[in-house]
Structures are given as structure tokens and as C-alpha cells.
Amino acid sequence: MTGHDQPSIRLTVSIGGWGVENVDEQKVESRRWIFMEARPTSDRYELMVREPDESYYFNKPILGKPMARSEALASPLLTDFFAVADFVAFNDPAVKSYLIGHEVSTLGRKGID
């Protein structure tokens, strides 16, 4: 894992070619994904891009083409990947509670209607 005693979460985020623009969902050519780690600091959290082979989803073609850390950091998609990670961190009660050092809670998590 991280080699650190502090809490962290790992996120594999795939962008492009989902939903309306890809009704089949199996056409993965336009998808790119990165693997990230979020670690809390005293007043926020930090995101770090990691290598794709560390992800559980490495070699799972449904997510599209993985981006190496150096490729992701140079990509114009990086802000989109970070926006997705921020959305998860701020809106999923379990992730949010974990990152702020509280007991993990799913209270308030809404399912898909």
C-alpha cells in the first residue's frame, strides 16, 4: 500500500465514452483512466496520481486505456480527473468521513432512483 500510517483512499477514474455518447458501453476506444490516491492533511486532502499497474482495474479493458503517471500529469484531462475525484470526496459520505478521520459512515448516501 502506501507505506504510511495515515489514512488514504485510492480512486480509479475513467473519463470519456460513457452513457449517452456510447449506448453500447463496450466501445472503450475513447476512454482514458488514471489511478489516484487521496490523503488528508490538517485542513484538506491532497491528490496524487499513481501508476496504473497499482490499480485493481489494471488489465480490465472496460475502463479504456490507462494513462501512466507522467502522461496523466501532462494531459489536458487532468483537471477533469481531479474534478471527478473532488466530487467523490465531497459528496460520498463514506469517503468524506474517512478522509476527515471520522468513523466511516454511509449515512446520507443516496442510491440511484
N, C-alpha and C. Protein backbone atom coordinates (compact mmCIF):
# COMPACT_ATOMS: atom_id res chain seq x y z
N MET A 1 0.84 -1.19 0.00
CA MET A 1 0.00 0.00 0.00
C MET A 1 0.88 1.25 0.00
N THR A 2 0.57 2.22 0.89
CA THR A 2 1.26 3.50 0.81
C THR A 2 2.58 3.53 1.57
N GLY A 3 2.75 2.66 2.54
CA GLY A 3 3.93 2.74 3.37
C GLY A 3 3.79 3.81 4.43
N HIS A 4 2.61 4.41 4.55
CA HIS A 4 2.33 5.46 5.53
C HIS A 4 1.26 4.96 6.49
N ASP A 5 1.28 5.50 7.72
CA ASP A 5 0.26 5.13 8.69
C ASP A 5 -1.00 5.96 8.56
N GLN A 6 -0.95 7.02 7.79
CA GLN A 6 -2.12 7.88 7.66
C GLN A 6 -3.14 7.28 6.70
N PRO A 7 -4.41 7.65 6.89
CA PRO A 7 -5.45 7.11 6.01
C PRO A 7 -5.32 7.65 4.59
N SER A 8 -5.74 6.87 3.65
CA SER A 8 -5.80 7.32 2.26
C SER A 8 -6.86 6.49 1.54
N ILE A 9 -7.32 7.02 0.44
CA ILE A 9 -8.23 6.26 -0.42
C ILE A 9 -7.61 6.19 -1.80
N ARG A 10 -7.96 5.19 -2.52
CA ARG A 10 -7.48 5.01 -3.89
C ARG A 10 -8.68 5.09 -4.83
N LEU A 11 -8.52 5.83 -5.91
CA LEU A 11 -9.58 6.02 -6.89
C LEU A 11 -9.07 5.68 -8.28
N THR A 12 -9.84 4.90 -9.01
CA THR A 12 -9.58 4.67 -10.42
C THR A 12 -10.70 5.39 -11.16
N VAL A 13 -10.33 6.40 -11.95
CA VAL A 13 -11.32 7.24 -12.61
C VAL A 13 -11.17 7.12 -14.12
N SER A 14 -12.28 6.79 -14.78
CA SER A 14 -12.31 6.64 -16.24
C SER A 14 -13.19 7.73 -16.82
N ILE A 15 -12.68 8.41 -17.86
CA ILE A 15 -13.39 9.52 -18.50
C ILE A 15 -13.52 9.24 -19.99
N GLY A 16 -14.70 9.59 -20.52
CA GLY A 16 -14.93 9.53 -21.97
C GLY A 16 -15.64 8.27 -22.41
N GLY A 17 -16.57 8.44 -23.33
CA GLY A 17 -17.22 7.29 -23.94
C GLY A 17 -18.18 6.54 -23.06
N TRP A 18 -18.82 7.21 -22.11
CA TRP A 18 -19.79 6.56 -21.23
C TRP A 18 -21.18 7.13 -21.52
N GLY A 19 -22.20 6.39 -21.20
CA GLY A 19 -23.58 6.89 -21.24
C GLY A 19 -24.11 7.19 -22.62
N VAL A 20 -24.71 8.35 -22.77
CA VAL A 20 -25.41 8.72 -23.98
C VAL A 20 -24.50 8.66 -25.21
N GLU A 21 -23.25 9.06 -25.03
CA GLU A 21 -22.35 9.06 -26.17
C GLU A 21 -21.86 7.66 -26.56
N ASN A 22 -22.17 6.67 -25.73
CA ASN A 22 -21.76 5.30 -26.01
C ASN A 22 -22.80 4.35 -25.44
N VAL A 23 -23.90 4.21 -26.13
CA VAL A 23 -25.01 3.39 -25.64
C VAL A 23 -24.60 1.95 -25.41
N ASP A 24 -23.70 1.44 -26.24
CA ASP A 24 -23.24 0.05 -26.14
C ASP A 24 -22.44 -0.19 -24.86
N GLU A 25 -21.72 0.82 -24.36
CA GLU A 25 -20.86 0.75 -23.18
C GLU A 25 -19.64 -0.14 -23.36
N GLN A 26 -19.58 -0.93 -24.39
CA GLN A 26 -18.43 -1.81 -24.60
C GLN A 26 -17.40 -1.18 -25.53
N LYS A 27 -17.74 -0.08 -26.17
CA LYS A 27 -16.81 0.62 -27.04
C LYS A 27 -15.92 1.50 -26.17
N VAL A 28 -14.72 1.05 -25.93
CA VAL A 28 -13.86 1.69 -24.94
C VAL A 28 -12.76 2.56 -25.54
N GLU A 29 -12.72 2.68 -26.85
CA GLU A 29 -11.62 3.36 -27.51
C GLU A 29 -11.43 4.81 -27.04
N SER A 30 -12.51 5.50 -26.72
CA SER A 30 -12.40 6.91 -26.34
C SER A 30 -12.17 7.12 -24.84
N ARG A 31 -12.16 6.05 -24.07
CA ARG A 31 -11.97 6.17 -22.62
C ARG A 31 -10.50 6.19 -22.23
N ARG A 32 -10.20 7.01 -21.23
CA ARG A 32 -8.88 7.05 -20.62
C ARG A 32 -9.10 6.99 -19.11
N TRP A 33 -8.17 6.36 -18.41
CA TRP A 33 -8.32 6.31 -16.96
C TRP A 33 -6.98 6.51 -16.26
N ILE A 34 -7.10 7.02 -15.01
CA ILE A 34 -5.92 7.17 -14.17
C ILE A 34 -6.24 6.61 -12.79
N PHE A 35 -5.18 6.34 -12.06
CA PHE A 35 -5.27 5.84 -10.70
C PHE A 35 -4.73 6.91 -9.77
N MET A 36 -5.50 7.25 -8.72
CA MET A 36 -5.11 8.33 -7.81
C MET A 36 -5.21 7.88 -6.36
N GLU A 37 -4.50 8.58 -5.53
CA GLU A 37 -4.59 8.38 -4.09
C GLU A 37 -4.91 9.73 -3.46
N ALA A 38 -5.84 9.74 -2.52
CA ALA A 38 -6.19 10.94 -1.76
C ALA A 38 -5.76 10.73 -0.32
N ARG A 39 -5.00 11.70 0.21
CA ARG A 39 -4.55 11.64 1.60
C ARG A 39 -4.96 12.93 2.32
N PRO A 40 -5.53 12.80 3.50
CA PRO A 40 -5.91 14.01 4.23
C PRO A 40 -4.70 14.76 4.77
N THR A 41 -4.83 16.08 4.83
CA THR A 41 -3.86 16.92 5.52
C THR A 41 -4.62 17.56 6.69
N SER A 42 -4.04 18.52 7.35
CA SER A 42 -4.70 19.10 8.53
C SER A 42 -6.00 19.83 8.18
N ASP A 43 -6.10 20.41 6.98
CA ASP A 43 -7.31 21.18 6.67
C ASP A 43 -7.92 20.86 5.30
N ARG A 44 -7.40 19.86 4.61
CA ARG A 44 -7.92 19.49 3.29
C ARG A 44 -7.40 18.10 2.96
N TYR A 45 -7.35 17.75 1.69
CA TYR A 45 -6.72 16.49 1.29
C TYR A 45 -5.91 16.76 0.03
N GLU A 46 -4.95 15.89 -0.22
CA GLU A 46 -4.10 16.01 -1.41
C GLU A 46 -4.35 14.82 -2.31
N LEU A 47 -4.35 15.08 -3.60
CA LEU A 47 -4.48 14.02 -4.60
C LEU A 47 -3.13 13.77 -5.24
N MET A 48 -2.82 12.51 -5.42
CA MET A 48 -1.58 12.13 -6.08
C MET A 48 -1.91 11.12 -7.17
N VAL A 49 -1.40 11.37 -8.36
CA VAL A 49 -1.57 10.41 -9.45
C VAL A 49 -0.55 9.30 -9.26
N ARG A 50 -0.99 8.08 -9.37
CA ARG A 50 -0.13 6.91 -9.21
C ARG A 50 -0.04 6.15 -10.53
N GLU A 51 0.79 5.17 -10.59
CA GLU A 51 0.95 4.37 -11.80
C GLU A 51 -0.25 3.42 -11.97
N PRO A 52 -0.70 3.22 -13.19
CA PRO A 52 -1.91 2.41 -13.41
C PRO A 52 -1.79 0.96 -12.98
N ASP A 53 -0.59 0.40 -13.00
CA ASP A 53 -0.47 -1.02 -12.64
C ASP A 53 -0.70 -1.26 -11.15
N GLU A 54 -0.82 -0.19 -10.35
CA GLU A 54 -1.15 -0.32 -8.94
C GLU A 54 -2.66 -0.46 -8.72
N SER A 55 -3.44 -0.17 -9.74
CA SER A 55 -4.89 -0.22 -9.62
C SER A 55 -5.42 -1.64 -9.74
N TYR A 56 -6.46 -1.92 -8.97
CA TYR A 56 -7.16 -3.19 -9.08
C TYR A 56 -7.70 -3.39 -10.50
N TYR A 57 -7.97 -2.30 -11.19
CA TYR A 57 -8.59 -2.36 -12.51
C TYR A 57 -7.59 -2.43 -13.66
N PHE A 58 -6.31 -2.53 -13.33
CA PHE A 58 -5.30 -2.68 -14.39
C PHE A 58 -5.60 -3.96 -15.17
N ASN A 59 -5.50 -3.90 -16.47
CA ASN A 59 -5.81 -5.02 -17.38
C ASN A 59 -7.29 -5.36 -17.44
N LYS A 60 -8.14 -4.44 -17.05
CA LYS A 60 -9.59 -4.60 -17.21
C LYS A 60 -10.00 -3.64 -18.32
N PRO A 61 -10.24 -4.13 -19.51
CA PRO A 61 -10.43 -3.26 -20.68
C PRO A 61 -11.66 -2.36 -20.63
N ILE A 62 -12.64 -2.61 -19.79
CA ILE A 62 -13.86 -1.83 -19.78
C ILE A 62 -13.60 -0.34 -19.49
N LEU A 63 -12.53 -0.03 -18.76
CA LEU A 63 -12.24 1.35 -18.41
C LEU A 63 -11.53 2.13 -19.51
N GLY A 64 -11.06 1.45 -20.53
CA GLY A 64 -10.34 2.12 -21.61
C GLY A 64 -8.84 2.00 -21.44
N LYS A 65 -8.13 2.98 -21.97
CA LYS A 65 -6.66 2.96 -21.95
C LYS A 65 -6.13 3.64 -20.69
N PRO A 66 -5.29 2.93 -19.93
CA PRO A 66 -4.71 3.57 -18.75
C PRO A 66 -3.67 4.61 -19.13
N MET A 67 -3.56 5.64 -18.31
CA MET A 67 -2.55 6.67 -18.52
C MET A 67 -1.49 6.53 -17.44
N ALA A 68 -0.24 6.47 -17.86
CA ALA A 68 0.86 6.46 -16.91
C ALA A 68 0.87 7.78 -16.16
N ARG A 69 1.49 7.80 -14.99
CA ARG A 69 1.53 9.00 -14.16
C ARG A 69 2.04 10.19 -14.95
N SER A 70 3.16 10.04 -15.65
CA SER A 70 3.74 11.16 -16.39
C SER A 70 2.81 11.63 -17.51
N GLU A 71 2.14 10.70 -18.17
CA GLU A 71 1.19 11.05 -19.22
C GLU A 71 -0.01 11.81 -18.64
N ALA A 72 -0.52 11.33 -17.52
CA ALA A 72 -1.68 11.98 -16.88
C ALA A 72 -1.34 13.40 -16.43
N LEU A 73 -0.17 13.57 -15.84
CA LEU A 73 0.22 14.89 -15.34
C LEU A 73 0.37 15.91 -16.47
N ALA A 74 0.68 15.45 -17.67
CA ALA A 74 0.83 16.34 -18.82
C ALA A 74 -0.45 16.48 -19.64
N SER A 75 -1.48 15.74 -19.28
CA SER A 75 -2.71 15.69 -20.07
C SER A 75 -3.65 16.85 -19.75
N PRO A 76 -4.33 17.38 -20.79
CA PRO A 76 -5.36 18.39 -20.53
C PRO A 76 -6.57 17.80 -19.79
N LEU A 77 -6.68 16.48 -19.73
CA LEU A 77 -7.77 15.83 -19.00
C LEU A 77 -7.55 15.82 -17.48
N LEU A 78 -6.36 16.18 -17.03
CA LEU A 78 -6.03 16.08 -15.61
C LEU A 78 -7.03 16.84 -14.74
N THR A 79 -7.42 18.03 -15.15
CA THR A 79 -8.38 18.80 -14.34
C THR A 79 -9.73 18.09 -14.27
N ASP A 80 -10.12 17.40 -15.34
CA ASP A 80 -11.37 16.62 -15.33
C ASP A 80 -11.27 15.44 -14.37
N PHE A 81 -10.14 14.74 -14.39
CA PHE A 81 -9.95 13.63 -13.46
C PHE A 81 -10.00 14.13 -12.01
N PHE A 82 -9.34 15.25 -11.73
CA PHE A 82 -9.35 15.79 -10.38
C PHE A 82 -10.75 16.25 -9.99
N ALA A 83 -11.51 16.79 -10.93
CA ALA A 83 -12.88 17.22 -10.63
C ALA A 83 -13.75 16.04 -10.23
N VAL A 84 -13.58 14.91 -10.90
CA VAL A 84 -14.33 13.71 -10.54
C VAL A 84 -13.93 13.24 -9.14
N ALA A 85 -12.62 13.21 -8.87
CA ALA A 85 -12.15 12.80 -7.54
C ALA A 85 -12.67 13.74 -6.46
N ASP A 86 -12.66 15.05 -6.72
CA ASP A 86 -13.19 16.01 -5.75
C ASP A 86 -14.67 15.78 -5.51
N PHE A 87 -15.41 15.51 -6.57
CA PHE A 87 -16.84 15.25 -6.42
C PHE A 87 -17.08 14.06 -5.50
N VAL A 88 -16.33 13.00 -5.71
CA VAL A 88 -16.47 11.81 -4.86
C VAL A 88 -16.11 12.15 -3.41
N ALA A 89 -14.99 12.83 -3.23
CA ALA A 89 -14.53 13.15 -1.88
C ALA A 89 -15.50 14.05 -1.13
N PHE A 90 -16.12 14.99 -1.82
CA PHE A 90 -17.04 15.92 -1.15
C PHE A 90 -18.46 15.40 -1.02
N ASN A 91 -18.84 14.42 -1.85
CA ASN A 91 -20.25 14.02 -1.89
C ASN A 91 -20.55 12.60 -1.43
N ASP A 92 -19.56 11.74 -1.36
CA ASP A 92 -19.82 10.39 -0.86
C ASP A 92 -19.54 10.38 0.65
N PRO A 93 -20.57 10.12 1.45
CA PRO A 93 -20.38 10.18 2.90
C PRO A 93 -19.29 9.25 3.43
N ALA A 94 -19.16 8.07 2.87
CA ALA A 94 -18.14 7.12 3.36
C ALA A 94 -16.74 7.65 3.07
N VAL A 95 -16.52 8.14 1.87
CA VAL A 95 -15.19 8.67 1.50
C VAL A 95 -14.89 9.92 2.32
N LYS A 96 -15.86 10.81 2.39
CA LYS A 96 -15.67 12.07 3.12
C LYS A 96 -15.35 11.81 4.58
N SER A 97 -16.14 10.95 5.24
CA SER A 97 -15.91 10.66 6.65
C SER A 97 -14.53 10.03 6.88
N TYR A 98 -14.11 9.18 5.99
CA TYR A 98 -12.80 8.54 6.11
C TYR A 98 -11.68 9.56 5.99
N LEU A 99 -11.80 10.44 4.98
CA LEU A 99 -10.74 11.42 4.74
C LEU A 99 -10.61 12.45 5.86
N ILE A 100 -11.69 12.73 6.58
CA ILE A 100 -11.58 13.70 7.68
C ILE A 100 -11.28 13.02 9.02
N GLY A 101 -11.04 11.71 8.97
CA GLY A 101 -10.59 11.00 10.15
C GLY A 101 -11.70 10.54 11.08
N HIS A 102 -12.93 10.54 10.59
CA HIS A 102 -14.05 10.04 11.40
C HIS A 102 -14.31 8.59 11.08
N GLU A 103 -15.16 7.97 11.90
CA GLU A 103 -15.59 6.61 11.60
C GLU A 103 -16.31 6.62 10.25
N VAL A 104 -16.04 5.63 9.43
CA VAL A 104 -16.66 5.58 8.10
C VAL A 104 -18.17 5.46 8.26
N SER A 105 -18.87 6.34 7.55
CA SER A 105 -20.33 6.38 7.63
C SER A 105 -20.92 6.51 6.24
N THR A 106 -21.95 5.73 5.98
CA THR A 106 -22.68 5.86 4.72
C THR A 106 -23.98 6.63 4.91
N LEU A 107 -24.19 7.18 6.10
CA LEU A 107 -25.38 7.94 6.40
C LEU A 107 -25.53 9.10 5.42
N GLY A 108 -26.64 9.15 4.74
CA GLY A 108 -26.87 10.19 3.75
C GLY A 108 -26.54 9.77 2.33
N ARG A 109 -25.98 8.59 2.18
CA ARG A 109 -25.67 8.12 0.82
C ARG A 109 -26.97 7.77 0.13
N LYS A 110 -27.13 8.28 -1.06
CA LYS A 110 -28.34 8.05 -1.83
C LYS A 110 -28.07 7.07 -2.94
N GLY A 111 -29.00 6.18 -3.15
CA GLY A 111 -28.90 5.23 -4.25
C GLY A 111 -29.40 5.85 -5.54
N ILE A 112 -29.30 5.12 -6.59
CA ILE A 112 -29.79 5.58 -7.89
C ILE A 112 -31.27 5.24 -7.95
N ASP A 113 -32.08 6.24 -8.26
CA ASP A 113 -33.53 6.02 -8.37
C ASP A 113 -33.89 5.42 -9.70
